[in-house]
Each structure stands twice: as structure tokens, then as C-alpha cells.
PDB file of all heavy atoms in Angstrom:
ATOM      1  N   THR A   1     -19.240   5.672  15.012  1.00  0.00           N
ATOM      2  CA  THR A   1     -19.627   5.988  16.502  1.00  0.00           C
ATOM      3  C   THR A   1     -21.165   6.116  16.508  1.00  0.00           C
ATOM      4  O   THR A   1     -21.742   5.570  17.445  1.00  0.00           O
ATOM      5  CB  THR A   1     -18.954   7.353  17.014  1.00  0.00           C
ATOM      6  OG1 THR A   1     -17.560   7.251  16.962  1.00  0.00           O
ATOM      7  CG2 THR A   1     -19.334   7.547  18.371  1.00  0.00           C
ATOM      8  N   LEU A   2     -21.714   6.846  15.711  1.00  0.00           N
ATOM      9  CA  LEU A   2     -23.208   6.896  15.609  1.00  0.00           C
ATOM     10  C   LEU A   2     -23.945   5.710  15.482  1.00  0.00           C
ATOM     11  O   LEU A   2     -24.941   5.417  16.063  1.00  0.00           O
ATOM     12  CB  LEU A   2     -23.705   8.018  14.585  1.00  0.00           C
ATOM     13  CG  LEU A   2     -23.329   9.480  14.868  1.00  0.00           C
ATOM     14  CD1 LEU A   2     -23.713  10.271  13.636  1.00  0.00           C
ATOM     15  CD2 LEU A   2     -24.052  10.018  16.065  1.00  0.00           C
ATOM     16  N   GLU A   3     -23.424   4.799  14.582  1.00  0.00           N
ATOM     17  CA  GLU A   3     -24.004   3.497  14.237  1.00  0.00           C
ATOM     18  C   GLU A   3     -23.772   2.701  15.516  1.00  0.00           C
ATOM     19  O   GLU A   3     -24.784   1.948  15.809  1.00  0.00           O
ATOM     20  CB  GLU A   3     -23.265   2.833  13.064  1.00  0.00           C
ATOM     21  CG  GLU A   3     -23.657   3.615  11.800  1.00  0.00           C
ATOM     22  CD  GLU A   3     -22.834   2.968  10.614  1.00  0.00           C
ATOM     23  OE1 GLU A   3     -22.010   2.032  10.810  1.00  0.00           O
ATOM     24  OE2 GLU A   3     -23.016   3.380   9.494  1.00  0.00           O
ATOM     25  N   ALA A   4     -22.674   2.722  16.245  1.00  0.00           N
ATOM     26  CA  ALA A   4     -22.408   1.937  17.414  1.00  0.00           C
ATOM     27  C   ALA A   4     -23.436   2.361  18.462  1.00  0.00           C
ATOM     28  O   ALA A   4     -23.942   1.558  19.157  1.00  0.00           O
ATOM     29  CB  ALA A   4     -21.056   1.954  17.849  1.00  0.00           C
ATOM     30  N   GLN A   5     -23.619   3.697  18.641  1.00  0.00           N
ATOM     31  CA  GLN A   5     -24.521   4.229  19.628  1.00  0.00           C
ATOM     32  C   GLN A   5     -25.963   3.802  19.400  1.00  0.00           C
ATOM     33  O   GLN A   5     -26.652   3.475  20.297  1.00  0.00           O
ATOM     34  CB  GLN A   5     -24.547   5.748  19.651  1.00  0.00           C
ATOM     35  CG  GLN A   5     -25.371   6.480  20.558  1.00  0.00           C
ATOM     36  CD  GLN A   5     -25.281   7.958  20.540  1.00  0.00           C
ATOM     37  OE1 GLN A   5     -24.993   8.537  19.423  1.00  0.00           O
ATOM     38  NE2 GLN A   5     -25.337   8.717  21.587  1.00  0.00           N
ATOM     39  N   GLN A   6     -26.427   3.902  18.056  1.00  0.00           N
ATOM     40  CA  GLN A   6     -27.704   3.478  17.844  1.00  0.00           C
ATOM     41  C   GLN A   6     -27.910   2.035  18.063  1.00  0.00           C
ATOM     42  O   GLN A   6     -28.980   1.531  18.544  1.00  0.00           O
ATOM     43  CB  GLN A   6     -27.986   3.737  16.271  1.00  0.00           C
ATOM     44  CG  GLN A   6     -28.080   5.188  15.981  1.00  0.00           C
ATOM     45  CD  GLN A   6     -28.309   5.505  14.456  1.00  0.00           C
ATOM     46  OE1 GLN A   6     -28.257   4.542  13.594  1.00  0.00           O
ATOM     47  NE2 GLN A   6     -28.404   6.732  14.172  1.00  0.00           N
ATOM     48  N   GLN A   7     -26.984   1.114  17.771  1.00  0.00           N
ATOM     49  CA  GLN A   7     -27.055  -0.177  17.850  1.00  0.00           C
ATOM     50  C   GLN A   7     -27.080  -0.590  19.572  1.00  0.00           C
ATOM     51  O   GLN A   7     -27.997  -1.334  20.034  1.00  0.00           O
ATOM     52  CB  GLN A   7     -25.819  -0.923  17.483  1.00  0.00           C
ATOM     53  CG  GLN A   7     -25.911  -2.688  17.671  1.00  0.00           C
ATOM     54  CD  GLN A   7     -24.590  -3.309  17.106  1.00  0.00           C
ATOM     55  OE1 GLN A   7     -23.878  -2.604  16.368  1.00  0.00           O
ATOM     56  NE2 GLN A   7     -24.466  -4.446  17.440  1.00  0.00           N
ATOM     57  N   ARG A   8     -26.314   0.202  20.327  1.00  0.00           N
ATOM     58  CA  ARG A   8     -26.353   0.004  21.745  1.00  0.00           C
ATOM     59  C   ARG A   8     -27.752   0.385  22.381  1.00  0.00           C
ATOM     60  O   ARG A   8     -28.332  -0.158  23.162  1.00  0.00           O
ATOM     61  CB  ARG A   8     -25.384   0.960  22.419  1.00  0.00           C
ATOM     62  CG  ARG A   8     -25.297   0.962  24.060  1.00  0.00           C
ATOM     63  CD  ARG A   8     -24.576  -0.127  24.602  1.00  0.00           C
ATOM     64  NE  ARG A   8     -23.213  -0.392  24.139  1.00  0.00           N
ATOM     65  CZ  ARG A   8     -22.201   0.315  24.336  1.00  0.00           C
ATOM     66  NH1 ARG A   8     -22.430   1.288  25.110  1.00  0.00           N
ATOM     67  NH2 ARG A   8     -20.998   0.108  23.885  1.00  0.00           N
ATOM     68  N   PHE A   9     -28.277   1.565  21.855  1.00  0.00           N
ATOM     69  CA  PHE A   9     -29.672   2.076  22.271  1.00  0.00           C
ATOM     70  C   PHE A   9     -30.696   1.044  21.925  1.00  0.00           C
ATOM     71  O   PHE A   9     -31.731   0.851  22.704  1.00  0.00           O
ATOM     72  CB  PHE A   9     -29.975   3.412  21.793  1.00  0.00           C
ATOM     73  CG  PHE A   9     -29.117   4.594  22.471  1.00  0.00           C
ATOM     74  CD1 PHE A   9     -28.072   4.208  23.393  1.00  0.00           C
ATOM     75  CD2 PHE A   9     -29.318   5.841  22.043  1.00  0.00           C
ATOM     76  CE1 PHE A   9     -27.348   5.214  23.954  1.00  0.00           C
ATOM     77  CE2 PHE A   9     -28.551   6.822  22.569  1.00  0.00           C
ATOM     78  CZ  PHE A   9     -27.578   6.564  23.441  1.00  0.00           C
ATOM     79  N   GLN A  10     -30.597   0.464  20.780  1.00  0.00           N
ATOM     80  CA  GLN A  10     -31.557  -0.499  20.401  1.00  0.00           C
ATOM     81  C   GLN A  10     -31.499  -1.738  21.288  1.00  0.00           C
ATOM     82  O   GLN A  10     -32.560  -2.368  21.610  1.00  0.00           O
ATOM     83  CB  GLN A  10     -31.356  -0.806  18.801  1.00  0.00           C
ATOM     84  CG  GLN A  10     -32.373  -1.815  18.227  1.00  0.00           C
ATOM     85  CD  GLN A  10     -33.728  -1.323  18.375  1.00  0.00           C
ATOM     86  OE1 GLN A  10     -33.990  -0.168  18.241  1.00  0.00           O
ATOM     87  NE2 GLN A  10     -34.745  -2.362  18.249  1.00  0.00           N
ATOM     88  N   GLU A  11     -30.329  -2.206  21.659  1.00  0.00           N
ATOM     89  CA  GLU A  11     -30.028  -3.184  22.525  1.00  0.00           C
ATOM     90  C   GLU A  11     -30.760  -2.995  23.821  1.00  0.00           C
ATOM     91  O   GLU A  11     -31.350  -3.939  24.397  1.00  0.00           O
ATOM     92  CB  GLU A  11     -28.600  -3.584  22.808  1.00  0.00           C
ATOM     93  CG  GLU A  11     -27.898  -4.166  21.515  1.00  0.00           C
ATOM     94  CD  GLU A  11     -26.268  -4.260  21.723  1.00  0.00           C
ATOM     95  OE1 GLU A  11     -25.895  -3.652  22.798  1.00  0.00           O
ATOM     96  OE2 GLU A  11     -25.691  -4.871  20.905  1.00  0.00           O
ATOM     97  N   ILE A  12     -30.647  -1.786  24.436  1.00  0.00           N
ATOM     98  CA  ILE A  12     -31.223  -1.597  25.632  1.00  0.00           C
ATOM     99  C   ILE A  12     -32.793  -1.506  25.618  1.00  0.00           C
ATOM    100  O   ILE A  12     -33.347  -2.017  26.441  1.00  0.00           O
ATOM    101  CB  ILE A  12     -30.635  -0.027  26.124  1.00  0.00           C
ATOM    102  CG1 ILE A  12     -29.330  -0.144  26.515  1.00  0.00           C
ATOM    103  CG2 ILE A  12     -31.463   0.355  27.430  1.00  0.00           C
ATOM    104  CD1 ILE A  12     -28.657   1.122  26.725  1.00  0.00           C
ATOM    105  N   ARG A  13     -33.257  -0.995  24.413  1.00  0.00           N
ATOM    106  CA  ARG A  13     -34.778  -1.073  24.292  1.00  0.00           C
ATOM    107  C   ARG A  13     -35.186  -2.555  24.288  1.00  0.00           C
ATOM    108  O   ARG A  13     -36.343  -2.832  24.714  1.00  0.00           O
ATOM    109  CB  ARG A  13     -35.152  -0.304  22.982  1.00  0.00           C
ATOM    110  CG  ARG A  13     -34.882   1.194  23.109  1.00  0.00           C
ATOM    111  CD  ARG A  13     -35.410   1.893  21.916  1.00  0.00           C
ATOM    112  NE  ARG A  13     -35.128   3.381  21.979  1.00  0.00           N
ATOM    113  CZ  ARG A  13     -34.034   3.811  21.486  1.00  0.00           C
ATOM    114  NH1 ARG A  13     -33.350   3.165  20.595  1.00  0.00           N
ATOM    115  NH2 ARG A  13     -33.847   5.166  21.477  1.00  0.00           N
ATOM    116  N   LEU A  14     -34.446  -3.421  23.509  1.00  0.00           N
ATOM    117  CA  LEU A  14     -34.837  -4.834  23.492  1.00  0.00           C
ATOM    118  C   LEU A  14     -34.813  -5.407  24.835  1.00  0.00           C
ATOM    119  O   LEU A  14     -35.575  -6.331  25.140  1.00  0.00           O
ATOM    120  CB  LEU A  14     -33.848  -5.534  22.541  1.00  0.00           C
ATOM    121  CG  LEU A  14     -34.048  -5.241  21.019  1.00  0.00           C
ATOM    122  CD1 LEU A  14     -33.026  -5.936  20.238  1.00  0.00           C
ATOM    123  CD2 LEU A  14     -35.538  -5.648  20.543  1.00  0.00           C
ATOM    124  N   LEU A  15     -33.761  -5.020  25.604  1.00  0.00           N
ATOM    125  CA  LEU A  15     -33.684  -5.558  27.074  1.00  0.00           C
ATOM    126  C   LEU A  15     -34.930  -5.142  27.781  1.00  0.00           C
ATOM    127  O   LEU A  15     -35.445  -6.055  28.561  1.00  0.00           O
ATOM    128  CB  LEU A  15     -32.368  -4.946  27.745  1.00  0.00           C
ATOM    129  CG  LEU A  15     -31.044  -5.392  27.107  1.00  0.00           C
ATOM    130  CD1 LEU A  15     -29.912  -4.867  27.973  1.00  0.00           C
ATOM    131  CD2 LEU A  15     -30.949  -6.847  26.931  1.00  0.00           C
ATOM    132  N   THR A  16     -35.492  -3.965  27.710  1.00  0.00           N
ATOM    133  CA  THR A  16     -36.656  -3.503  28.223  1.00  0.00           C
ATOM    134  C   THR A  16     -37.774  -4.417  28.008  1.00  0.00           C
ATOM    135  O   THR A  16     -38.649  -4.848  28.881  1.00  0.00           O
ATOM    136  CB  THR A  16     -37.013  -2.117  28.024  1.00  0.00           C
ATOM    137  OG1 THR A  16     -35.849  -1.312  28.169  1.00  0.00           O
ATOM    138  CG2 THR A  16     -38.244  -1.580  28.591  1.00  0.00           C
ATOM    139  N   MET A  17     -37.959  -4.847  26.674  1.00  0.00           N
ATOM    140  CA  MET A  17     -39.015  -5.645  26.325  1.00  0.00           C
ATOM    141  C   MET A  17     -38.946  -7.080  26.972  1.00  0.00           C
ATOM    142  O   MET A  17     -39.955  -7.696  27.335  1.00  0.00           O
ATOM    143  CB  MET A  17     -39.101  -5.806  24.769  1.00  0.00           C
ATOM    144  CG  MET A  17     -39.474  -4.532  24.092  1.00  0.00           C
ATOM    145  SD  MET A  17     -39.397  -4.670  22.197  1.00  0.00           S
ATOM    146  CE  MET A  17     -40.415  -5.914  21.891  1.00  0.00           C
ATOM    147  N   LYS A  18     -37.702  -7.627  26.980  1.00  0.00           N
ATOM    148  CA  LYS A  18     -37.415  -8.797  27.564  1.00  0.00           C
ATOM    149  C   LYS A  18     -37.704  -8.874  29.047  1.00  0.00           C
ATOM    150  O   LYS A  18     -38.362  -9.729  29.533  1.00  0.00           O
ATOM    151  CB  LYS A  18     -35.958  -9.280  27.340  1.00  0.00           C
ATOM    152  CG  LYS A  18     -35.680  -9.585  25.867  1.00  0.00           C
ATOM    153  CD  LYS A  18     -34.268 -10.182  25.724  1.00  0.00           C
ATOM    154  CE  LYS A  18     -33.980 -10.536  24.221  1.00  0.00           C
ATOM    155  NZ  LYS A  18     -32.530 -11.054  24.081  1.00  0.00           N
ATOM    156  N   LEU A  19     -37.349  -7.732  29.758  1.00  0.00           N
ATOM    157  CA  LEU A  19     -37.604  -7.650  31.123  1.00  0.00           C
ATOM    158  C   LEU A  19     -39.173  -7.771  31.364  1.00  0.00           C
ATOM    159  O   LEU A  19     -39.640  -8.351  32.387  1.00  0.00           O
ATOM    160  CB  LEU A  19     -37.097  -6.328  31.687  1.00  0.00           C
ATOM    161  CG  LEU A  19     -35.629  -6.394  31.926  1.00  0.00           C
ATOM    162  CD1 LEU A  19     -35.090  -4.931  32.292  1.00  0.00           C
ATOM    163  CD2 LEU A  19     -35.167  -7.250  33.107  1.00  0.00           C
ATOM    164  N   PHE A  20     -39.953  -6.965  30.626  1.00  0.00           N
ATOM    165  CA  PHE A  20     -41.400  -7.040  30.809  1.00  0.00           C
ATOM    166  C   PHE A  20     -41.962  -8.339  30.514  1.00  0.00           C
ATOM    167  O   PHE A  20     -42.867  -8.783  31.202  1.00  0.00           O
ATOM    168  CB  PHE A  20     -42.032  -6.036  29.733  1.00  0.00           C
ATOM    169  CG  PHE A  20     -42.070  -4.640  30.187  1.00  0.00           C
ATOM    170  CD1 PHE A  20     -41.642  -3.609  29.432  1.00  0.00           C
ATOM    171  CD2 PHE A  20     -42.773  -4.282  31.388  1.00  0.00           C
ATOM    172  CE1 PHE A  20     -41.623  -2.259  29.803  1.00  0.00           C
ATOM    173  CE2 PHE A  20     -42.847  -2.968  31.725  1.00  0.00           C
ATOM    174  CZ  PHE A  20     -42.234  -2.052  31.094  1.00  0.00           C
ATOM    175  N   GLU A  21     -41.298  -9.149  29.586  1.00  0.00           N
ATOM    176  CA  GLU A  21     -41.721 -10.613  29.360  1.00  0.00           C
ATOM    177  C   GLU A  21     -41.570 -11.417  30.563  1.00  0.00           C
ATOM    178  O   GLU A  21     -42.369 -12.231  30.897  1.00  0.00           O
ATOM    179  CB  GLU A  21     -41.093 -11.071  28.053  1.00  0.00           C
ATOM    180  CG  GLU A  21     -41.388 -10.458  26.719  1.00  0.00           C
ATOM    181  CD  GLU A  21     -40.607 -10.962  25.643  1.00  0.00           C
ATOM    182  OE1 GLU A  21     -39.815 -11.753  25.782  1.00  0.00           O
ATOM    183  OE2 GLU A  21     -40.730 -10.354  24.473  1.00  0.00           O
ATOM    184  N   THR A  22     -40.407 -11.205  31.219  1.00  0.00           N
ATOM    185  CA  THR A  22     -40.116 -12.005  32.394  1.00  0.00           C
ATOM    186  C   THR A  22     -41.140 -11.725  33.474  1.00  0.00           C
ATOM    187  O   THR A  22     -41.474 -12.530  34.304  1.00  0.00           O
ATOM    188  CB  THR A  22     -38.623 -11.920  32.908  1.00  0.00           C
ATOM    189  OG1 THR A  22     -38.409 -10.658  33.322  1.00  0.00           O
ATOM    190  CG2 THR A  22     -37.729 -12.324  31.722  1.00  0.00           C
ATOM    191  N   SER A  23     -41.596 -10.457  33.696  1.00  0.00           N
ATOM    192  CA  SER A  23     -42.423 -10.005  34.816  1.00  0.00           C
ATOM    193  C   SER A  23     -43.839 -10.603  34.604  1.00  0.00           C
ATOM    194  O   SER A  23     -44.442 -10.716  35.634  1.00  0.00           O
ATOM    195  CB  SER A  23     -42.480  -8.453  34.763  1.00  0.00           C
ATOM    196  OG  SER A  23     -43.240  -8.040  33.649  1.00  0.00           O
ATOM    197  N   LEU A  24     -44.169 -11.091  33.447  1.00  0.00           N
ATOM    198  CA  LEU A  24     -45.502 -11.756  33.247  1.00  0.00           C
ATOM    199  C   LEU A  24     -45.351 -13.174  33.508  1.00  0.00           C
ATOM    200  O   LEU A  24     -46.442 -13.923  33.645  1.00  0.00           O
ATOM    201  CB  LEU A  24     -45.851 -11.547  31.797  1.00  0.00           C
ATOM    202  CG  LEU A  24     -46.096 -10.007  31.515  1.00  0.00           C
ATOM    203  CD1 LEU A  24     -46.495  -9.946  30.014  1.00  0.00           C
ATOM    204  CD2 LEU A  24     -47.092  -9.483  32.343  1.00  0.00           C
ATOM    205  N   GLN A  25     -44.113 -13.725  33.751  1.00  0.00           N
ATOM    206  CA  GLN A  25     -44.179 -15.269  33.865  1.00  0.00           C
ATOM    207  C   GLN A  25     -44.114 -15.590  35.336  1.00  0.00           C
ATOM    208  O   GLN A  25     -43.975 -14.783  36.201  1.00  0.00           O
ATOM    209  CB  GLN A  25     -42.744 -15.750  33.325  1.00  0.00           C
ATOM    210  CG  GLN A  25     -42.587 -15.610  31.939  1.00  0.00           C
ATOM    211  CD  GLN A  25     -41.144 -15.897  31.318  1.00  0.00           C
ATOM    212  OE1 GLN A  25     -40.389 -16.477  32.088  1.00  0.00           O
ATOM    213  NE2 GLN A  25     -40.745 -15.449  30.145  1.00  0.00           N
ATOM    214  N   VAL A  26     -44.564 -16.932  35.590  1.00  0.00           N
ATOM    215  CA  VAL A  26     -44.577 -17.305  37.069  1.00  0.00           C
ATOM    216  C   VAL A  26     -43.185 -17.672  37.451  1.00  0.00           C
ATOM    217  O   VAL A  26     -42.656 -18.749  36.894  1.00  0.00           O
ATOM    218  CB  VAL A  26     -45.644 -18.384  37.243  1.00  0.00           C
ATOM    219  CG1 VAL A  26     -45.769 -18.985  38.613  1.00  0.00           C
ATOM    220  CG2 VAL A  26     -46.945 -18.001  36.795  1.00  0.00           C
ATOM    221  N   MET A  27     -42.786 -16.989  38.555  1.00  0.00           N
ATOM    222  CA  MET A  27     -41.383 -17.308  39.003  1.00  0.00           C
ATOM    223  C   MET A  27     -41.242 -16.768  40.357  1.00  0.00           C
ATOM    224  O   MET A  27     -41.880 -15.856  40.709  1.00  0.00           O
ATOM    225  CB  MET A  27     -40.249 -16.956  37.954  1.00  0.00           C
ATOM    226  CG  MET A  27     -40.213 -15.429  37.776  1.00  0.00           C
ATOM    227  SD  MET A  27     -38.873 -14.986  36.705  1.00  0.00           S
ATOM    228  CE  MET A  27     -39.206 -15.602  35.095  1.00  0.00           C
ATOM    229  N   THR A  28     -40.214 -17.198  41.083  1.00  0.00           N
ATOM    230  CA  THR A  28     -39.868 -16.872  42.373  1.00  0.00           C
ATOM    231  C   THR A  28     -39.091 -15.485  42.316  1.00  0.00           C
ATOM    232  O   THR A  28     -38.546 -15.212  41.205  1.00  0.00           O
ATOM    233  CB  THR A  28     -39.141 -17.770  43.305  1.00  0.00           C
ATOM    234  OG1 THR A  28     -37.917 -18.001  42.677  1.00  0.00           O
ATOM    235  CG2 THR A  28     -39.957 -19.132  43.353  1.00  0.00           C
ATOM    236  N   ILE A  29     -38.994 -14.942  43.449  1.00  0.00           N
ATOM    237  CA  ILE A  29     -38.070 -13.687  43.471  1.00  0.00           C
ATOM    238  C   ILE A  29     -36.626 -13.925  43.018  1.00  0.00           C
ATOM    239  O   ILE A  29     -35.949 -13.329  42.276  1.00  0.00           O
ATOM    240  CB  ILE A  29     -38.165 -12.972  44.912  1.00  0.00           C
ATOM    241  CG1 ILE A  29     -37.311 -11.743  44.876  1.00  0.00           C
ATOM    242  CG2 ILE A  29     -37.741 -14.005  45.999  1.00  0.00           C
ATOM    243  CD1 ILE A  29     -37.777 -10.591  43.926  1.00  0.00           C
ATOM    244  N   HIS A  30     -36.147 -15.092  43.504  1.00  0.00           N
ATOM    245  CA  HIS A  30     -34.716 -15.435  43.204  1.00  0.00           C
ATOM    246  C   HIS A  30     -34.574 -15.799  41.638  1.00  0.00           C
ATOM    247  O   HIS A  30     -33.520 -15.474  41.007  1.00  0.00           O
ATOM    248  CB  HIS A  30     -34.284 -16.662  43.833  1.00  0.00           C
ATOM    249  CG  HIS A  30     -33.974 -16.343  45.421  1.00  0.00           C
ATOM    250  ND1 HIS A  30     -32.829 -15.742  45.850  1.00  0.00           N
ATOM    251  CD2 HIS A  30     -34.723 -16.686  46.566  1.00  0.00           C
ATOM    252  CE1 HIS A  30     -32.863 -15.541  47.176  1.00  0.00           C
ATOM    253  NE2 HIS A  30     -33.965 -16.064  47.665  1.00  0.00           N
ATOM    254  N   GLN A  31     -35.597 -16.466  41.068  1.00  0.00           N
ATOM    255  CA  GLN A  31     -35.615 -16.825  39.755  1.00  0.00           C
ATOM    256  C   GLN A  31     -35.672 -15.423  38.887  1.00  0.00           C
ATOM    257  O   GLN A  31     -35.065 -15.267  37.788  1.00  0.00           O
ATOM    258  CB  GLN A  31     -36.785 -17.709  39.338  1.00  0.00           C
ATOM    259  CG  GLN A  31     -36.636 -19.052  39.727  1.00  0.00           C
ATOM    260  CD  GLN A  31     -38.026 -19.923  39.576  1.00  0.00           C
ATOM    261  OE1 GLN A  31     -39.041 -19.261  39.605  1.00  0.00           O
ATOM    262  NE2 GLN A  31     -37.759 -21.132  39.501  1.00  0.00           N
ATOM    263  N   GLN A  32     -36.548 -14.521  39.292  1.00  0.00           N
ATOM    264  CA  GLN A  32     -36.642 -13.350  38.702  1.00  0.00           C
ATOM    265  C   GLN A  32     -35.252 -12.345  38.710  1.00  0.00           C
ATOM    266  O   GLN A  32     -34.867 -11.822  37.629  1.00  0.00           O
ATOM    267  CB  GLN A  32     -37.687 -12.333  39.340  1.00  0.00           C
ATOM    268  CG  GLN A  32     -37.901 -11.064  38.794  1.00  0.00           C
ATOM    269  CD  GLN A  32     -38.570 -11.036  37.388  1.00  0.00           C
ATOM    270  OE1 GLN A  32     -39.719 -11.326  37.205  1.00  0.00           O
ATOM    271  NE2 GLN A  32     -37.651 -10.853  36.280  1.00  0.00           N
ATOM    272  N   LEU A  33     -34.559 -12.391  39.894  1.00  0.00           N
ATOM    273  CA  LEU A  33     -33.336 -11.703  39.960  1.00  0.00           C
ATOM    274  C   LEU A  33     -32.306 -12.317  39.010  1.00  0.00           C
ATOM    275  O   LEU A  33     -31.527 -11.551  38.331  1.00  0.00           O
ATOM    276  CB  LEU A  33     -32.828 -11.781  41.393  1.00  0.00           C
ATOM    277  CG  LEU A  33     -33.638 -11.071  42.431  1.00  0.00           C
ATOM    278  CD1 LEU A  33     -32.979 -11.196  43.810  1.00  0.00           C
ATOM    279  CD2 LEU A  33     -33.811  -9.510  42.258  1.00  0.00           C
ATOM    280  N   ASN A  34     -32.194 -13.606  39.022  1.00  0.00           N
ATOM    281  CA  ASN A  34     -31.397 -14.327  38.032  1.00  0.00           C
ATOM    282  C   ASN A  34     -31.689 -14.024  36.523  1.00  0.00           C
ATOM    283  O   ASN A  34     -30.825 -13.746  35.744  1.00  0.00           O
ATOM    284  CB  ASN A  34     -31.333 -15.868  38.184  1.00  0.00           C
ATOM    285  CG  ASN A  34     -30.450 -16.110  39.516  1.00  0.00           C
ATOM    286  OD1 ASN A  34     -29.226 -15.975  39.402  1.00  0.00           O
ATOM    287  ND2 ASN A  34     -31.018 -16.638  40.470  1.00  0.00           N
ATOM    288  N   ALA A  35     -32.947 -13.905  36.216  1.00  0.00           N
ATOM    289  CA  ALA A  35     -33.448 -13.663  34.890  1.00  0.00           C
ATOM    290  C   ALA A  35     -32.924 -12.161  34.512  1.00  0.00           C
ATOM    291  O   ALA A  35     -32.519 -11.899  33.452  1.00  0.00           O
ATOM    292  CB  ALA A  35     -34.913 -13.783  34.788  1.00  0.00           C
ATOM    293  N   ILE A  36     -33.101 -11.249  35.464  1.00  0.00           N
ATOM    294  CA  ILE A  36     -32.716  -9.910  35.187  1.00  0.00           C
ATOM    295  C   ILE A  36     -31.227  -9.811  34.896  1.00  0.00           C
ATOM    296  O   ILE A  36     -30.774  -9.234  33.909  1.00  0.00           O
ATOM    297  CB  ILE A  36     -33.001  -9.025  36.437  1.00  0.00           C
ATOM    298  CG1 ILE A  36     -34.558  -8.876  36.514  1.00  0.00           C
ATOM    299  CG2 ILE A  36     -32.380  -7.609  36.291  1.00  0.00           C
ATOM    300  CD1 ILE A  36     -35.004  -8.156  37.776  1.00  0.00           C
ATOM    301  N   LEU A  37     -30.471 -10.554  35.752  1.00  0.00           N
ATOM    302  CA  LEU A  37     -29.012 -10.433  35.478  1.00  0.00           C
ATOM    303  C   LEU A  37     -28.545 -10.921  34.086  1.00  0.00           C
ATOM    304  O   LEU A  37     -27.726 -10.465  33.431  1.00  0.00           O
ATOM    305  CB  LEU A  37     -28.326 -11.299  36.559  1.00  0.00           C
ATOM    306  CG  LEU A  37     -27.741 -10.643  37.743  1.00  0.00           C
ATOM    307  CD1 LEU A  37     -27.056 -11.550  38.650  1.00  0.00           C
ATOM    308  CD2 LEU A  37     -26.946  -9.413  37.480  1.00  0.00           C
ATOM    309  N   ASN A  38     -29.164 -12.134  33.725  1.00  0.00           N
ATOM    310  CA  ASN A  38     -28.880 -12.617  32.445  1.00  0.00           C
ATOM    311  C   ASN A  38     -29.278 -11.812  31.267  1.00  0.00           C
ATOM    312  O   ASN A  38     -28.596 -11.625  30.306  1.00  0.00           O
ATOM    313  CB  ASN A  38     -29.584 -14.132  32.326  1.00  0.00           C
ATOM    314  CG  ASN A  38     -28.880 -15.191  32.999  1.00  0.00           C
ATOM    315  OD1 ASN A  38     -27.772 -15.482  32.574  1.00  0.00           O
ATOM    316  ND2 ASN A  38     -29.499 -15.742  34.019  1.00  0.00           N
ATOM    317  N   ILE A  39     -30.424 -11.066  31.415  1.00  0.00           N
ATOM    318  CA  ILE A  39     -30.805 -10.146  30.355  1.00  0.00           C
ATOM    319  C   ILE A  39     -29.948  -8.912  30.317  1.00  0.00           C
ATOM    320  O   ILE A  39     -29.431  -8.462  29.273  1.00  0.00           O
ATOM    321  CB  ILE A  39     -32.313  -9.679  30.587  1.00  0.00           C
ATOM    322  CG1 ILE A  39     -33.176 -10.863  30.418  1.00  0.00           C
ATOM    323  CG2 ILE A  39     -32.726  -8.527  29.718  1.00  0.00           C
ATOM    324  CD1 ILE A  39     -34.638 -10.652  30.837  1.00  0.00           C
ATOM    325  N   ILE A  40     -29.608  -8.294  31.414  1.00  0.00           N
ATOM    326  CA  ILE A  40     -28.826  -7.006  31.381  1.00  0.00           C
ATOM    327  C   ILE A  40     -27.465  -7.206  30.998  1.00  0.00           C
ATOM    328  O   ILE A  40     -26.885  -6.426  30.382  1.00  0.00           O
ATOM    329  CB  ILE A  40     -28.835  -6.467  32.854  1.00  0.00           C
ATOM    330  CG1 ILE A  40     -30.205  -6.042  33.331  1.00  0.00           C
ATOM    331  CG2 ILE A  40     -27.831  -5.334  33.020  1.00  0.00           C
ATOM    332  CD1 ILE A  40     -30.712  -4.952  32.441  1.00  0.00           C
ATOM    333  N   ASN A  41     -26.877  -8.410  31.332  1.00  0.00           N
ATOM    334  CA  ASN A  41     -25.524  -8.665  30.914  1.00  0.00           C
ATOM    335  C   ASN A  41     -25.328  -8.884  29.372  1.00  0.00           C
ATOM    336  O   ASN A  41     -24.203  -9.034  28.913  1.00  0.00           O
ATOM    337  CB  ASN A  41     -24.931  -9.906  31.665  1.00  0.00           C
ATOM    338  CG  ASN A  41     -24.381  -9.479  32.913  1.00  0.00           C
ATOM    339  OD1 ASN A  41     -23.233  -8.949  33.017  1.00  0.00           O
ATOM    340  ND2 ASN A  41     -25.098  -9.746  34.111  1.00  0.00           N
ATOM    341  N   ALA A  42     -26.464  -8.878  28.588  1.00  0.00           N
ATOM    342  CA  ALA A  42     -26.329  -8.963  27.105  1.00  0.00           C
ATOM    343  C   ALA A  42     -25.573  -7.695  26.566  1.00  0.00           C
ATOM    344  O   ALA A  42     -25.021  -7.814  25.483  1.00  0.00           O
ATOM    345  CB  ALA A  42     -27.667  -9.156  26.512  1.00  0.00           C
ATOM    346  N   ILE A  43     -25.518  -6.587  27.236  1.00  0.00           N
ATOM    347  CA  ILE A  43     -24.794  -5.445  26.775  1.00  0.00           C
ATOM    348  C   ILE A  43     -23.475  -5.295  27.292  1.00  0.00           C
ATOM    349  O   ILE A  43     -22.760  -4.266  27.106  1.00  0.00           O
ATOM    350  CB  ILE A  43     -25.708  -4.145  27.143  1.00  0.00           C
ATOM    351  CG1 ILE A  43     -25.764  -3.924  28.611  1.00  0.00           C
ATOM    352  CG2 ILE A  43     -27.119  -4.150  26.501  1.00  0.00           C
ATOM    353  CD1 ILE A  43     -26.371  -2.468  29.073  1.00  0.00           C
TER     354      ILE A  43
END
């Protein structure tokens, strides 16, 4: 359980980094929303 929890928390931290990366890219609001959905659904 502890290992699974650590893995989940690490996944969430990685998602945070990916979200920051998309925020620096040039894209429309609709592209950004779709990018967020694809990233979040990784968990």
C-alpha cells in the first residue's frame, strides 16, 4: 500500500511538471483544456 501510494504521489508530481510545460507553449484556450485533460487522465 505504501509503495502504491508513493507511486501515485510521484505520478501527480510529474503531472504538475507536465502542466507547467504546456503553459509555456503557444496554444489556444481550447488546445490548453484538451492538453490538461490528457495529462490529468494519466492517473
